[in-house]
């Protein structure tokens, strides 16, 4: 049981960090993509 607890203590925060990181990364990519699209449209 103690091993399982230790695993949870390691995996759970890691999972949360990955989720938040993934969302932040996706948002940054979307922002960059939209900015790039706007730049190309203005250039035309």
C-alpha atoms as a PDB file:
ATOM      1  CA  UNK A   1       0.000   0.000   0.000  1.00  0.00           C
ATOM      2  CA  UNK A   2       2.837   2.390   0.831  1.00  0.00           C
ATOM      3  CA  UNK A   3       4.354   1.938  -2.636  1.00  0.00           C
ATOM      4  CA  UNK A   4       1.009   2.774  -4.226  1.00  0.00           C
ATOM      5  CA  UNK A   5       0.753   5.930  -2.109  1.00  0.00           C
ATOM      6  CA  UNK A   6       4.248   6.993  -3.117  1.00  0.00           C
ATOM      7  CA  UNK A   7       3.413   6.405  -6.770  1.00  0.00           C
ATOM      8  CA  UNK A   8       0.251   8.516  -6.442  1.00  0.00           C
ATOM      9  CA  UNK A   9       2.211  11.317  -4.785  1.00  0.00           C
ATOM     10  CA  UNK A  10       4.623  11.332  -7.740  1.00  0.00           C
ATOM     11  CA  UNK A  11       2.205  10.713 -10.609  1.00  0.00           C
ATOM     12  CA  UNK A  12      -0.709  12.954  -9.576  1.00  0.00           C
ATOM     13  CA  UNK A  13       1.203  16.274  -9.488  1.00  0.00           C
ATOM     14  CA  UNK A  14       3.033  15.250 -12.658  1.00  0.00           C
ATOM     15  CA  UNK A  15      -0.296  14.601 -14.373  1.00  0.00           C
ATOM     16  CA  UNK A  16      -1.641  17.984 -13.280  1.00  0.00           C
ATOM     17  CA  UNK A  17       1.533  19.733 -14.425  1.00  0.00           C
ATOM     18  CA  UNK A  18       1.376  17.995 -17.804  1.00  0.00           C
ATOM     19  CA  UNK A  19      -2.294  18.900 -18.234  1.00  0.00           C
ATOM     20  CA  UNK A  20      -1.737  22.568 -17.394  1.00  0.00           C
ATOM     21  CA  UNK A  21       1.417  22.638 -19.503  1.00  0.00           C
ATOM     22  CA  UNK A  22      -0.417  21.061 -22.434  1.00  0.00           C
ATOM     23  CA  UNK A  23      -3.272  23.569 -22.228  1.00  0.00           C
ATOM     24  CA  UNK A  24      -0.867  26.503 -21.941  1.00  0.00           C
ATOM     25  CA  UNK A  25       1.204  25.183 -24.863  1.00  0.00           C
ATOM     26  CA  UNK A  26      -1.900  24.683 -27.019  1.00  0.00           C
ATOM     27  CA  UNK A  27      -3.089  28.217 -26.201  1.00  0.00           C
ATOM     28  CA  UNK A  28       0.337  29.662 -27.028  1.00  0.00           C
ATOM     29  CA  UNK A  29       0.409  27.751 -30.325  1.00  0.00           C
ATOM     30  CA  UNK A  30      -3.101  28.945 -31.218  1.00  0.00           C
ATOM     31  CA  UNK A  31      -2.174  32.540 -30.400  1.00  0.00           C
ATOM     32  CA  UNK A  32       0.973  32.282 -32.496  1.00  0.00           C
ATOM     33  CA  UNK A  33      -0.944  30.688 -35.387  1.00  0.00           C
ATOM     34  CA  UNK A  34      -3.664  33.368 -35.316  1.00  0.00           C
ATOM     35  CA  UNK A  35      -1.009  36.088 -35.137  1.00  0.00           C
ATOM     36  CA  UNK A  36       0.783  34.538 -38.097  1.00  0.00           C
ATOM     37  CA  UNK A  37      -2.476  34.351 -40.071  1.00  0.00           C
ATOM     38  CA  UNK A  38      -3.257  37.994 -39.313  1.00  0.00           C
ATOM     39  CA  UNK A  39       0.267  38.950 -40.390  1.00  0.00           C
ATOM     40  CA  UNK A  40      -0.066  37.141 -43.720  1.00  0.00           C
ATOM     41  CA  UNK A  41      -3.507  38.667 -44.346  1.00  0.00           C
ATOM     42  CA  UNK A  42      -2.223  42.176 -43.646  1.00  0.00           C
ATOM     43  CA  UNK A  43       0.760  41.624 -45.917  1.00  0.00           C
ATOM     44  CA  UNK A  44      -1.386  40.688 -48.901  1.00  0.00           C
END
